[in-house]
Amino acid sequence: MKKFNYSIDDDIAFQEKYQITPTELFVLKIILLLQEDTQDEEYLKRFLQISDNKECFRDTLQSLQNKGLILKSYKIPNKGETFNPYDIAINKVLIKNMHKASFDLGQELMEVYPRYGMINGGMVPLHGVSKRFGSREDFYRFYSKIINWNPETHNKIIELIKWEQANNIGFLNMTVLSFVIDHRWEALQDIKDGKLSNVTFNTIESL
């Protein structure tokens, strides 16, 4: 069962991206966890046992619906009506983004990006990120933020890398870190579109 793996940095970034409060983000997490695994129902029960949370819970759901994170198709129960958290319809884009924030984007990028490349006439590893980050996980979060947690952008990048490798373009003679920081997928898209057809990339010698 997939679980969310957040850092404080991820939380703040999601609040910035969706303009939600810490309480709204926390409620979303609880609902999503519960809908994936009924054993997590205890989290919601404990949350609602806190009087302030119970009083504002309906208002929180209403605010999330107004912001488009809970679908309009879900009818928020009135006071006294039965509440079933499994009926709450969450925006599917948000669900994808929250899953992807658990390092999936960066992990998939690393899986498809070439491990080695020819730079300055020698074979060198291209997966190194330690010059800037303390761990790969930190790099994964950085990559996700760079592309704004957008699965469509990520999928486009992955397909471009696969296209480059399948056609032996010779463009990816740079570390994955440089590829991300410099948004090199944009140049790769230009190559695929034929905008740089007269340039030879096998001579690129960039770390």
N, C-alpha and C. Protein backbone atom coordinates (compact mmCIF):
# COMPACT_ATOMS: atom_id res chain seq x y z
N MET A 1 0.85 -1.19 0.00
CA MET A 1 0.00 0.00 0.00
C MET A 1 0.88 1.24 0.00
N LYS A 2 0.65 2.14 -0.94
CA LYS A 2 1.48 3.34 -1.05
C LYS A 2 1.14 4.33 0.05
N LYS A 3 2.17 4.83 0.72
CA LYS A 3 2.01 5.85 1.75
C LYS A 3 2.68 7.13 1.30
N PHE A 4 2.21 8.25 1.83
CA PHE A 4 2.82 9.52 1.52
C PHE A 4 4.04 9.71 2.39
N ASN A 5 5.09 10.31 1.82
CA ASN A 5 6.34 10.51 2.52
C ASN A 5 6.74 11.97 2.35
N TYR A 6 6.31 12.81 3.26
CA TYR A 6 6.48 14.24 3.12
C TYR A 6 7.59 14.78 4.01
N SER A 7 8.14 15.89 3.60
CA SER A 7 8.99 16.68 4.46
C SER A 7 8.25 17.98 4.74
N ILE A 8 8.75 18.78 5.68
CA ILE A 8 8.15 20.08 5.95
C ILE A 8 8.21 20.94 4.69
N ASP A 9 9.30 20.83 3.95
CA ASP A 9 9.45 21.59 2.72
C ASP A 9 8.34 21.24 1.73
N ASP A 10 8.01 19.95 1.62
CA ASP A 10 6.92 19.52 0.74
C ASP A 10 5.60 20.13 1.18
N ASP A 11 5.36 20.12 2.50
CA ASP A 11 4.11 20.67 3.02
C ASP A 11 3.95 22.14 2.65
N ILE A 12 5.00 22.90 2.89
CA ILE A 12 4.94 24.33 2.59
C ILE A 12 4.74 24.55 1.09
N ALA A 13 5.43 23.75 0.28
CA ALA A 13 5.31 23.90 -1.17
C ALA A 13 3.88 23.63 -1.63
N PHE A 14 3.22 22.62 -1.03
CA PHE A 14 1.84 22.32 -1.40
C PHE A 14 0.90 23.44 -0.95
N GLN A 15 1.18 24.01 0.19
CA GLN A 15 0.36 25.14 0.64
C GLN A 15 0.52 26.33 -0.31
N GLU A 16 1.74 26.55 -0.79
CA GLU A 16 1.98 27.62 -1.74
C GLU A 16 1.29 27.34 -3.07
N LYS A 17 1.42 26.12 -3.54
CA LYS A 17 0.90 25.75 -4.85
C LYS A 17 -0.62 25.84 -4.89
N TYR A 18 -1.30 25.33 -3.84
CA TYR A 18 -2.75 25.26 -3.85
C TYR A 18 -3.42 26.32 -2.98
N GLN A 19 -2.60 27.17 -2.35
CA GLN A 19 -3.14 28.25 -1.51
C GLN A 19 -4.09 27.70 -0.45
N ILE A 20 -3.60 26.71 0.30
CA ILE A 20 -4.38 26.12 1.37
C ILE A 20 -3.69 26.32 2.70
N THR A 21 -4.46 26.21 3.77
CA THR A 21 -3.92 26.39 5.12
C THR A 21 -3.32 25.08 5.61
N PRO A 22 -2.50 25.13 6.67
CA PRO A 22 -1.96 23.89 7.23
C PRO A 22 -3.06 22.92 7.65
N THR A 23 -4.16 23.43 8.21
CA THR A 23 -5.27 22.56 8.61
C THR A 23 -5.90 21.90 7.39
N GLU A 24 -6.08 22.65 6.33
CA GLU A 24 -6.67 22.08 5.11
C GLU A 24 -5.77 21.00 4.53
N LEU A 25 -4.47 21.23 4.52
CA LEU A 25 -3.54 20.22 4.02
C LEU A 25 -3.59 18.98 4.88
N PHE A 26 -3.65 19.16 6.20
CA PHE A 26 -3.69 18.03 7.12
C PHE A 26 -4.95 17.20 6.91
N VAL A 27 -6.08 17.87 6.72
CA VAL A 27 -7.34 17.17 6.49
C VAL A 27 -7.27 16.38 5.18
N LEU A 28 -6.70 16.98 4.14
CA LEU A 28 -6.55 16.27 2.87
C LEU A 28 -5.71 15.01 3.04
N LYS A 29 -4.61 15.12 3.78
CA LYS A 29 -3.75 13.96 4.01
C LYS A 29 -4.51 12.84 4.71
N ILE A 30 -5.25 13.21 5.77
CA ILE A 30 -5.99 12.21 6.53
C ILE A 30 -7.01 11.50 5.64
N ILE A 31 -7.75 12.27 4.85
CA ILE A 31 -8.77 11.69 3.99
C ILE A 31 -8.14 10.75 2.96
N LEU A 32 -7.04 11.18 2.32
CA LEU A 32 -6.40 10.36 1.31
C LEU A 32 -5.81 9.09 1.90
N LEU A 33 -5.19 9.20 3.06
CA LEU A 33 -4.66 8.02 3.73
C LEU A 33 -5.77 7.05 4.07
N LEU A 34 -6.87 7.59 4.59
CA LEU A 34 -7.99 6.76 5.00
C LEU A 34 -8.61 6.05 3.79
N GLN A 35 -8.74 6.75 2.68
CA GLN A 35 -9.35 6.16 1.49
C GLN A 35 -8.47 5.10 0.86
N GLU A 36 -7.16 5.13 1.15
CA GLU A 36 -6.27 4.10 0.65
C GLU A 36 -6.22 2.89 1.58
N ASP A 37 -6.42 3.13 2.85
CA ASP A 37 -6.29 2.05 3.83
C ASP A 37 -7.22 2.34 5.00
N THR A 38 -8.24 1.51 5.17
CA THR A 38 -9.23 1.73 6.23
C THR A 38 -8.61 1.68 7.61
N GLN A 39 -7.43 1.09 7.74
CA GLN A 39 -6.78 1.02 9.05
C GLN A 39 -6.39 2.41 9.55
N ASP A 40 -6.33 3.37 8.62
CA ASP A 40 -5.95 4.74 9.00
C ASP A 40 -7.15 5.55 9.50
N GLU A 41 -8.29 4.90 9.66
CA GLU A 41 -9.49 5.58 10.13
C GLU A 41 -9.29 6.19 11.51
N GLU A 42 -8.39 5.60 12.28
CA GLU A 42 -8.13 6.07 13.64
C GLU A 42 -7.61 7.50 13.64
N TYR A 43 -6.85 7.86 12.58
CA TYR A 43 -6.32 9.22 12.50
C TYR A 43 -7.45 10.25 12.48
N LEU A 44 -8.47 9.97 11.66
CA LEU A 44 -9.59 10.90 11.55
C LEU A 44 -10.36 10.97 12.85
N LYS A 45 -10.56 9.85 13.48
CA LYS A 45 -11.28 9.82 14.75
C LYS A 45 -10.56 10.66 15.80
N ARG A 46 -9.27 10.50 15.89
CA ARG A 46 -8.49 11.25 16.87
C ARG A 46 -8.51 12.74 16.55
N PHE A 47 -8.43 13.06 15.26
CA PHE A 47 -8.46 14.45 14.83
C PHE A 47 -9.77 15.12 15.23
N LEU A 48 -10.88 14.40 15.03
CA LEU A 48 -12.19 14.97 15.31
C LEU A 48 -12.51 14.99 16.80
N GLN A 49 -11.76 14.26 17.60
CA GLN A 49 -11.98 14.28 19.05
C GLN A 49 -11.49 15.58 19.66
N ILE A 50 -10.63 16.29 18.93
CA ILE A 50 -10.16 17.59 19.39
C ILE A 50 -11.25 18.61 19.07
N SER A 51 -11.79 19.26 20.07
CA SER A 51 -13.01 20.06 19.93
C SER A 51 -12.91 21.11 18.83
N ASP A 52 -11.81 21.86 18.77
CA ASP A 52 -11.68 22.91 17.77
C ASP A 52 -11.71 22.33 16.36
N ASN A 53 -11.08 21.17 16.18
CA ASN A 53 -11.06 20.53 14.87
C ASN A 53 -12.46 20.07 14.46
N LYS A 54 -13.19 19.52 15.42
CA LYS A 54 -14.54 19.04 15.14
C LYS A 54 -15.45 20.19 14.73
N GLU A 55 -15.30 21.32 15.41
CA GLU A 55 -16.16 22.48 15.14
C GLU A 55 -15.92 23.05 13.74
N CYS A 56 -14.66 23.05 13.30
CA CYS A 56 -14.34 23.70 12.03
C CYS A 56 -14.21 22.72 10.87
N PHE A 57 -14.45 21.43 11.13
CA PHE A 57 -14.20 20.42 10.10
C PHE A 57 -15.07 20.64 8.86
N ARG A 58 -16.34 20.90 9.06
CA ARG A 58 -17.22 21.12 7.93
C ARG A 58 -16.80 22.36 7.14
N ASP A 59 -16.40 23.42 7.84
CA ASP A 59 -15.94 24.63 7.17
C ASP A 59 -14.67 24.35 6.36
N THR A 60 -13.83 23.47 6.90
CA THR A 60 -12.60 23.10 6.18
C THR A 60 -12.94 22.38 4.89
N LEU A 61 -13.88 21.44 4.96
CA LEU A 61 -14.30 20.72 3.76
C LEU A 61 -14.89 21.70 2.73
N GLN A 62 -15.68 22.65 3.22
CA GLN A 62 -16.29 23.62 2.31
C GLN A 62 -15.23 24.48 1.63
N SER A 63 -14.22 24.89 2.40
CA SER A 63 -13.14 25.69 1.83
C SER A 63 -12.37 24.92 0.78
N LEU A 64 -12.09 23.65 1.05
CA LEU A 64 -11.36 22.81 0.09
C LEU A 64 -12.19 22.61 -1.17
N GLN A 65 -13.50 22.53 -1.02
CA GLN A 65 -14.37 22.39 -2.19
C GLN A 65 -14.39 23.69 -2.99
N ASN A 66 -14.43 24.80 -2.30
CA ASN A 66 -14.41 26.10 -2.99
C ASN A 66 -13.13 26.29 -3.79
N LYS A 67 -12.03 25.69 -3.31
CA LYS A 67 -10.74 25.81 -3.98
C LYS A 67 -10.53 24.74 -5.04
N GLY A 68 -11.54 23.88 -5.22
CA GLY A 68 -11.49 22.88 -6.28
C GLY A 68 -10.74 21.61 -5.94
N LEU A 69 -10.36 21.44 -4.68
CA LEU A 69 -9.60 20.25 -4.29
C LEU A 69 -10.52 19.10 -3.90
N ILE A 70 -11.72 19.43 -3.40
CA ILE A 70 -12.80 18.46 -3.25
C ILE A 70 -13.80 18.77 -4.35
N LEU A 71 -14.22 17.77 -5.09
CA LEU A 71 -15.08 17.99 -6.24
C LEU A 71 -16.46 18.50 -5.83
N LYS A 72 -17.04 19.29 -6.72
CA LYS A 72 -18.37 19.85 -6.47
C LYS A 72 -19.43 18.75 -6.41
N SER A 73 -19.14 17.59 -6.98
CA SER A 73 -20.10 16.49 -6.97
C SER A 73 -20.34 15.93 -5.57
N TYR A 74 -19.41 16.20 -4.67
CA TYR A 74 -19.56 15.72 -3.29
C TYR A 74 -20.45 16.68 -2.50
N LYS A 75 -21.49 16.14 -1.88
CA LYS A 75 -22.39 16.96 -1.07
C LYS A 75 -21.92 16.93 0.38
N ILE A 76 -21.46 18.07 0.85
CA ILE A 76 -21.01 18.17 2.23
C ILE A 76 -22.23 18.06 3.14
N PRO A 77 -22.22 17.13 4.07
CA PRO A 77 -23.41 16.93 4.92
C PRO A 77 -23.66 18.13 5.84
N ASN A 78 -24.90 18.39 6.09
CA ASN A 78 -25.27 19.43 7.04
C ASN A 78 -25.07 18.91 8.45
N LYS A 79 -25.11 19.80 9.43
CA LYS A 79 -24.97 19.39 10.81
C LYS A 79 -26.05 18.37 11.17
N GLY A 80 -25.62 17.28 11.78
CA GLY A 80 -26.55 16.24 12.17
C GLY A 80 -26.71 15.13 11.14
N GLU A 81 -26.25 15.37 9.89
CA GLU A 81 -26.35 14.34 8.85
C GLU A 81 -25.16 13.39 8.93
N THR A 82 -25.35 12.20 8.38
CA THR A 82 -24.30 11.18 8.38
C THR A 82 -23.11 11.62 7.53
N PHE A 83 -21.91 11.45 8.07
CA PHE A 83 -20.69 11.79 7.35
C PHE A 83 -19.92 10.53 7.03
N ASN A 84 -19.61 10.34 5.75
CA ASN A 84 -18.83 9.17 5.31
C ASN A 84 -17.59 9.67 4.57
N PRO A 85 -16.42 9.60 5.19
CA PRO A 85 -15.21 10.13 4.55
C PRO A 85 -14.84 9.42 3.25
N TYR A 86 -15.35 8.19 3.07
CA TYR A 86 -15.02 7.44 1.85
C TYR A 86 -15.77 7.98 0.64
N ASP A 87 -16.79 8.80 0.89
CA ASP A 87 -17.56 9.38 -0.21
C ASP A 87 -16.94 10.66 -0.75
N ILE A 88 -15.97 11.20 -0.05
CA ILE A 88 -15.38 12.48 -0.46
C ILE A 88 -14.58 12.30 -1.76
N ALA A 89 -14.96 13.04 -2.78
CA ALA A 89 -14.29 12.95 -4.08
C ALA A 89 -13.19 14.00 -4.17
N ILE A 90 -11.95 13.55 -4.19
CA ILE A 90 -10.80 14.45 -4.23
C ILE A 90 -10.37 14.67 -5.69
N ASN A 91 -9.98 15.89 -5.99
CA ASN A 91 -9.46 16.22 -7.31
C ASN A 91 -8.33 15.25 -7.69
N LYS A 92 -8.47 14.58 -8.84
CA LYS A 92 -7.52 13.53 -9.23
C LYS A 92 -6.13 14.09 -9.51
N VAL A 93 -6.07 15.32 -10.01
CA VAL A 93 -4.76 15.93 -10.26
C VAL A 93 -4.02 16.12 -8.94
N LEU A 94 -4.74 16.55 -7.91
CA LEU A 94 -4.13 16.71 -6.59
C LEU A 94 -3.61 15.38 -6.08
N ILE A 95 -4.41 14.33 -6.23
CA ILE A 95 -3.99 13.00 -5.76
C ILE A 95 -2.70 12.57 -6.46
N LYS A 96 -2.66 12.76 -7.77
CA LYS A 96 -1.45 12.39 -8.52
C LYS A 96 -0.25 13.19 -8.03
N ASN A 97 -0.46 14.48 -7.84
CA ASN A 97 0.65 15.33 -7.41
C ASN A 97 1.14 14.96 -6.02
N MET A 98 0.21 14.62 -5.11
CA MET A 98 0.62 14.27 -3.76
C MET A 98 1.34 12.92 -3.74
N HIS A 99 0.92 12.00 -4.58
CA HIS A 99 1.66 10.74 -4.70
C HIS A 99 3.05 11.00 -5.26
N LYS A 100 3.09 11.78 -6.32
CA LYS A 100 4.37 12.05 -6.96
C LYS A 100 5.33 12.79 -6.05
N ALA A 101 4.79 13.56 -5.10
CA ALA A 101 5.65 14.27 -4.18
C ALA A 101 6.41 13.33 -3.28
N SER A 102 6.03 12.07 -3.23
CA SER A 102 6.72 11.07 -2.44
C SER A 102 7.93 10.52 -3.18
N PHE A 103 8.60 11.39 -3.91
CA PHE A 103 9.86 11.10 -4.58
C PHE A 103 9.71 10.29 -5.86
N ASP A 104 8.48 9.92 -6.24
CA ASP A 104 8.31 9.10 -7.42
C ASP A 104 8.83 9.78 -8.68
N LEU A 105 8.61 11.08 -8.79
CA LEU A 105 9.07 11.80 -9.99
C LEU A 105 10.58 11.70 -10.15
N GLY A 106 11.29 12.04 -9.08
CA GLY A 106 12.75 12.02 -9.14
C GLY A 106 13.30 10.62 -9.34
N GLN A 107 12.67 9.65 -8.72
CA GLN A 107 13.12 8.27 -8.87
C GLN A 107 12.96 7.79 -10.31
N GLU A 108 11.84 8.14 -10.92
CA GLU A 108 11.63 7.73 -12.31
C GLU A 108 12.60 8.44 -13.24
N LEU A 109 12.85 9.72 -12.98
CA LEU A 109 13.83 10.43 -13.79
C LEU A 109 15.18 9.74 -13.72
N MET A 110 15.61 9.36 -12.52
CA MET A 110 16.90 8.72 -12.35
C MET A 110 16.95 7.35 -13.04
N GLU A 111 15.82 6.69 -13.06
CA GLU A 111 15.75 5.37 -13.70
C GLU A 111 15.96 5.44 -15.21
N VAL A 112 15.45 6.49 -15.85
CA VAL A 112 15.54 6.55 -17.31
C VAL A 112 16.74 7.36 -17.79
N TYR A 113 17.29 8.20 -16.92
CA TYR A 113 18.43 9.02 -17.33
C TYR A 113 19.67 8.14 -17.45
N PRO A 114 20.49 8.32 -18.51
CA PRO A 114 21.67 7.47 -18.69
C PRO A 114 22.63 7.55 -17.50
N ARG A 115 23.17 6.42 -17.12
CA ARG A 115 24.07 6.37 -15.97
C ARG A 115 25.45 6.92 -16.30
N TYR A 116 25.89 6.75 -17.54
CA TYR A 116 27.23 7.17 -17.92
C TYR A 116 27.18 7.93 -19.24
N GLY A 117 28.17 8.77 -19.45
CA GLY A 117 28.26 9.52 -20.70
C GLY A 117 29.71 9.86 -21.01
N MET A 118 29.99 10.20 -22.27
CA MET A 118 31.33 10.56 -22.70
C MET A 118 31.52 12.07 -22.56
N ILE A 119 32.39 12.47 -21.67
CA ILE A 119 32.69 13.88 -21.47
C ILE A 119 34.21 14.05 -21.47
N ASN A 120 34.69 14.98 -22.31
CA ASN A 120 36.14 15.19 -22.45
C ASN A 120 36.86 13.91 -22.83
N GLY A 121 36.21 13.12 -23.64
CA GLY A 121 36.84 11.90 -24.14
C GLY A 121 36.85 10.74 -23.18
N GLY A 122 36.26 10.89 -22.03
CA GLY A 122 36.25 9.80 -21.05
C GLY A 122 34.84 9.48 -20.57
N MET A 123 34.67 8.24 -20.13
CA MET A 123 33.39 7.80 -19.61
C MET A 123 33.24 8.26 -18.16
N VAL A 124 32.16 8.99 -17.87
CA VAL A 124 31.95 9.51 -16.51
C VAL A 124 30.52 9.20 -16.07
N PRO A 125 30.31 9.05 -14.75
CA PRO A 125 28.95 8.82 -14.23
C PRO A 125 28.13 10.10 -14.30
N LEU A 126 26.84 9.96 -14.61
CA LEU A 126 25.97 11.13 -14.79
C LEU A 126 24.92 11.27 -13.70
N HIS A 127 24.91 10.34 -12.75
CA HIS A 127 23.87 10.37 -11.72
C HIS A 127 24.29 11.09 -10.44
N GLY A 128 25.48 11.64 -10.41
CA GLY A 128 25.95 12.28 -9.19
C GLY A 128 25.21 13.58 -8.89
N VAL A 129 24.77 13.73 -7.65
CA VAL A 129 24.07 14.96 -7.21
C VAL A 129 24.69 15.52 -5.93
N SER A 130 25.76 14.89 -5.45
CA SER A 130 26.32 15.25 -4.15
C SER A 130 26.99 16.62 -4.12
N LYS A 131 27.28 17.20 -5.29
CA LYS A 131 27.88 18.53 -5.31
C LYS A 131 26.94 19.58 -4.76
N ARG A 132 25.65 19.28 -4.81
CA ARG A 132 24.66 20.27 -4.36
C ARG A 132 23.74 19.74 -3.26
N PHE A 133 23.49 18.43 -3.24
CA PHE A 133 22.51 17.86 -2.31
C PHE A 133 23.14 16.82 -1.40
N GLY A 134 22.56 16.72 -0.20
CA GLY A 134 23.07 15.76 0.78
C GLY A 134 22.59 14.35 0.54
N SER A 135 21.55 14.19 -0.28
CA SER A 135 21.01 12.87 -0.57
C SER A 135 20.23 12.92 -1.87
N ARG A 136 19.98 11.75 -2.42
CA ARG A 136 19.16 11.69 -3.64
C ARG A 136 17.74 12.16 -3.35
N GLU A 137 17.26 11.87 -2.15
CA GLU A 137 15.90 12.29 -1.79
C GLU A 137 15.76 13.82 -1.88
N ASP A 138 16.79 14.54 -1.44
CA ASP A 138 16.77 16.00 -1.55
C ASP A 138 16.70 16.43 -3.01
N PHE A 139 17.45 15.72 -3.86
CA PHE A 139 17.41 16.02 -5.29
C PHE A 139 16.04 15.73 -5.87
N TYR A 140 15.43 14.63 -5.44
CA TYR A 140 14.09 14.27 -5.95
C TYR A 140 13.10 15.39 -5.63
N ARG A 141 13.15 15.91 -4.42
CA ARG A 141 12.24 16.99 -4.03
C ARG A 141 12.52 18.25 -4.87
N PHE A 142 13.81 18.51 -5.08
CA PHE A 142 14.19 19.68 -5.88
C PHE A 142 13.64 19.56 -7.29
N TYR A 143 13.80 18.39 -7.90
CA TYR A 143 13.29 18.18 -9.26
C TYR A 143 11.78 18.38 -9.31
N SER A 144 11.07 17.83 -8.32
CA SER A 144 9.62 17.97 -8.28
C SER A 144 9.21 19.43 -8.20
N LYS A 145 9.92 20.21 -7.39
CA LYS A 145 9.61 21.63 -7.27
C LYS A 145 9.91 22.37 -8.58
N ILE A 146 11.00 21.99 -9.25
CA ILE A 146 11.39 22.65 -10.50
C ILE A 146 10.27 22.53 -11.54
N ILE A 147 9.62 21.37 -11.59
CA ILE A 147 8.57 21.17 -12.59
C ILE A 147 7.18 21.40 -11.99
N ASN A 148 7.15 21.97 -10.78
CA ASN A 148 5.89 22.34 -10.14
C ASN A 148 4.97 21.15 -9.91
N TRP A 149 5.57 20.01 -9.61
CA TRP A 149 4.81 18.79 -9.32
C TRP A 149 3.82 18.43 -10.42
N ASN A 150 4.13 18.77 -11.63
CA ASN A 150 3.20 18.55 -12.73
C ASN A 150 3.50 17.22 -13.42
N PRO A 151 2.62 16.22 -13.27
CA PRO A 151 2.86 14.91 -13.89
C PRO A 151 2.98 14.99 -15.41
N GLU A 152 2.25 15.93 -16.05
CA GLU A 152 2.31 16.05 -17.50
C GLU A 152 3.69 16.52 -17.95
N THR A 153 4.24 17.51 -17.23
CA THR A 153 5.59 17.97 -17.55
C THR A 153 6.60 16.86 -17.35
N HIS A 154 6.45 16.14 -16.24
CA HIS A 154 7.36 15.03 -15.95
C HIS A 154 7.30 13.97 -17.04
N ASN A 155 6.10 13.58 -17.42
CA ASN A 155 5.95 12.55 -18.46
C ASN A 155 6.56 13.00 -19.78
N LYS A 156 6.42 14.28 -20.09
CA LYS A 156 7.02 14.83 -21.30
C LYS A 156 8.54 14.71 -21.25
N ILE A 157 9.13 15.04 -20.09
CA ILE A 157 10.58 14.94 -19.92
C ILE A 157 11.05 13.50 -20.07
N ILE A 158 10.32 12.58 -19.44
CA ILE A 158 10.69 11.16 -19.52
C ILE A 158 10.66 10.68 -20.96
N GLU A 159 9.62 11.05 -21.69
CA GLU A 159 9.50 10.63 -23.09
C GLU A 159 10.61 11.24 -23.94
N LEU A 160 11.00 12.48 -23.66
CA LEU A 160 12.09 13.10 -24.40
C LEU A 160 13.42 12.38 -24.15
N ILE A 161 13.67 12.01 -22.92
CA ILE A 161 14.90 11.28 -22.60
C ILE A 161 14.91 9.92 -23.32
N LYS A 162 13.79 9.23 -23.28
CA LYS A 162 13.69 7.93 -23.96
C LYS A 162 13.88 8.10 -25.47
N TRP A 163 13.31 9.17 -26.02
CA TRP A 163 13.48 9.43 -27.46
C TRP A 163 14.94 9.70 -27.78
N GLU A 164 15.60 10.49 -26.95
CA GLU A 164 17.02 10.82 -27.18
C GLU A 164 17.88 9.56 -27.15
N GLN A 165 17.62 8.69 -26.19
CA GLN A 165 18.40 7.46 -26.06
C GLN A 165 18.13 6.49 -27.22
N ALA A 166 16.87 6.39 -27.61
CA ALA A 166 16.51 5.46 -28.68
C ALA A 166 17.10 5.88 -30.03
N ASN A 167 17.31 7.19 -30.20
CA ASN A 167 17.81 7.70 -31.48
C ASN A 167 19.29 8.07 -31.45
N ASN A 168 19.96 7.77 -30.33
CA ASN A 168 21.41 8.02 -30.21
C ASN A 168 21.78 9.45 -30.61
N ILE A 169 21.06 10.41 -30.05
CA ILE A 169 21.29 11.82 -30.39
C ILE A 169 22.63 12.31 -29.85
N GLY A 170 23.04 11.80 -28.69
CA GLY A 170 24.30 12.23 -28.10
C GLY A 170 24.22 13.54 -27.35
N PHE A 171 23.01 13.93 -26.97
CA PHE A 171 22.83 15.21 -26.28
C PHE A 171 23.06 15.13 -24.78
N LEU A 172 22.75 14.00 -24.18
CA LEU A 172 22.76 13.89 -22.72
C LEU A 172 24.16 13.60 -22.17
N ASN A 173 25.14 14.41 -22.58
CA ASN A 173 26.49 14.31 -22.03
C ASN A 173 26.65 15.34 -20.92
N MET A 174 25.82 15.20 -19.89
CA MET A 174 25.82 16.11 -18.75
C MET A 174 25.22 15.35 -17.58
N THR A 175 25.52 15.78 -16.37
CA THR A 175 24.93 15.11 -15.22
C THR A 175 23.43 15.39 -15.16
N VAL A 176 22.73 14.51 -14.49
CA VAL A 176 21.29 14.71 -14.31
C VAL A 176 21.02 16.00 -13.55
N LEU A 177 21.95 16.37 -12.67
CA LEU A 177 21.82 17.62 -11.92
C LEU A 177 21.84 18.82 -12.86
N SER A 178 22.79 18.85 -13.80
CA SER A 178 22.85 19.94 -14.78
C SER A 178 21.61 19.93 -15.67
N PHE A 179 21.16 18.75 -16.03
CA PHE A 179 19.98 18.60 -16.88
C PHE A 179 18.77 19.28 -16.25
N VAL A 180 18.62 19.09 -14.94
CA VAL A 180 17.46 19.64 -14.24
C VAL A 180 17.64 21.14 -13.98
N ILE A 181 18.78 21.52 -13.44
CA ILE A 181 18.99 22.93 -13.09
C ILE A 181 18.88 23.83 -14.31
N ASP A 182 19.40 23.37 -15.44
CA ASP A 182 19.42 24.19 -16.66
C ASP A 182 18.21 23.96 -17.56
N HIS A 183 17.26 23.15 -17.11
CA HIS A 183 16.07 22.88 -17.92
C HIS A 183 16.45 22.39 -19.31
N ARG A 184 17.38 21.45 -19.38
CA ARG A 184 17.88 21.00 -20.68
C ARG A 184 16.83 20.27 -21.50
N TRP A 185 15.73 19.86 -20.88
CA TRP A 185 14.68 19.20 -21.67
C TRP A 185 14.08 20.16 -22.69
N GLU A 186 14.20 21.46 -22.43
CA GLU A 186 13.68 22.44 -23.39
C GLU A 186 14.49 22.40 -24.69
N ALA A 187 15.82 22.30 -24.55
CA ALA A 187 16.68 22.17 -25.73
C ALA A 187 16.43 20.83 -26.42
N LEU A 188 16.19 19.80 -25.62
CA LEU A 188 15.92 18.47 -26.17
C LEU A 188 14.63 18.49 -26.99
N GLN A 189 13.64 19.24 -26.52
CA GLN A 189 12.41 19.38 -27.28
C GLN A 189 12.67 20.10 -28.61
N ASP A 190 13.56 21.12 -28.58
CA ASP A 190 13.91 21.83 -29.81
C ASP A 190 14.58 20.89 -30.80
N ILE A 191 15.42 20.00 -30.29
CA ILE A 191 16.08 19.03 -31.17
C ILE A 191 15.04 18.12 -31.81
N LYS A 192 14.13 17.63 -31.00
CA LYS A 192 13.10 16.72 -31.52
C LYS A 192 12.22 17.42 -32.54
N ASP A 193 11.98 18.73 -32.33
CA ASP A 193 11.14 19.50 -33.25
C ASP A 193 11.90 19.96 -34.49
N GLY A 194 13.20 19.63 -34.57
CA GLY A 194 13.99 19.99 -35.74
C GLY A 194 14.53 21.39 -35.75
N LYS A 195 14.44 22.09 -34.62
CA LYS A 195 14.90 23.47 -34.57
C LYS A 195 16.42 23.57 -34.48
N LEU A 196 17.09 22.48 -34.09
CA LEU A 196 18.54 22.47 -33.96
C LEU A 196 19.13 21.33 -34.79
N SER A 197 18.57 21.12 -35.94
CA SER A 197 18.94 19.96 -36.75
C SER A 197 20.36 20.02 -37.31
N ASN A 198 20.95 21.20 -37.40
CA ASN A 198 22.30 21.33 -37.98
C ASN A 198 23.40 21.34 -36.94
N VAL A 199 23.06 21.06 -35.68
CA VAL A 199 24.04 21.08 -34.61
C VAL A 199 24.41 19.65 -34.22
N THR A 200 25.70 19.40 -34.03
CA THR A 200 26.16 18.08 -33.59
C THR A 200 26.37 18.11 -32.09
N PHE A 201 25.68 17.22 -31.38
CA PHE A 201 25.73 17.26 -29.93
C PHE A 201 26.71 16.26 -29.32
N ASN A 202 27.31 15.43 -30.14
CA ASN A 202 28.26 14.45 -29.62
C ASN A 202 29.50 15.14 -29.06
N THR A 203 29.73 16.41 -29.44
CA THR A 203 30.93 17.13 -28.99
C THR A 203 30.68 17.95 -27.74
N ILE A 204 29.47 17.92 -27.22
CA ILE A 204 29.19 18.67 -25.99
C ILE A 204 30.00 18.09 -24.84
N GLU A 205 30.69 18.93 -24.10
CA GLU A 205 31.52 18.47 -23.01
C GLU A 205 31.16 19.30 -21.79
N SER A 206 30.03 19.00 -21.20
CA SER A 206 29.52 19.81 -20.09
C SER A 206 29.14 18.93 -18.93
N LEU A 207 29.64 19.27 -17.78
CA LEU A 207 29.24 18.59 -16.56
C LEU A 207 28.06 19.33 -15.94
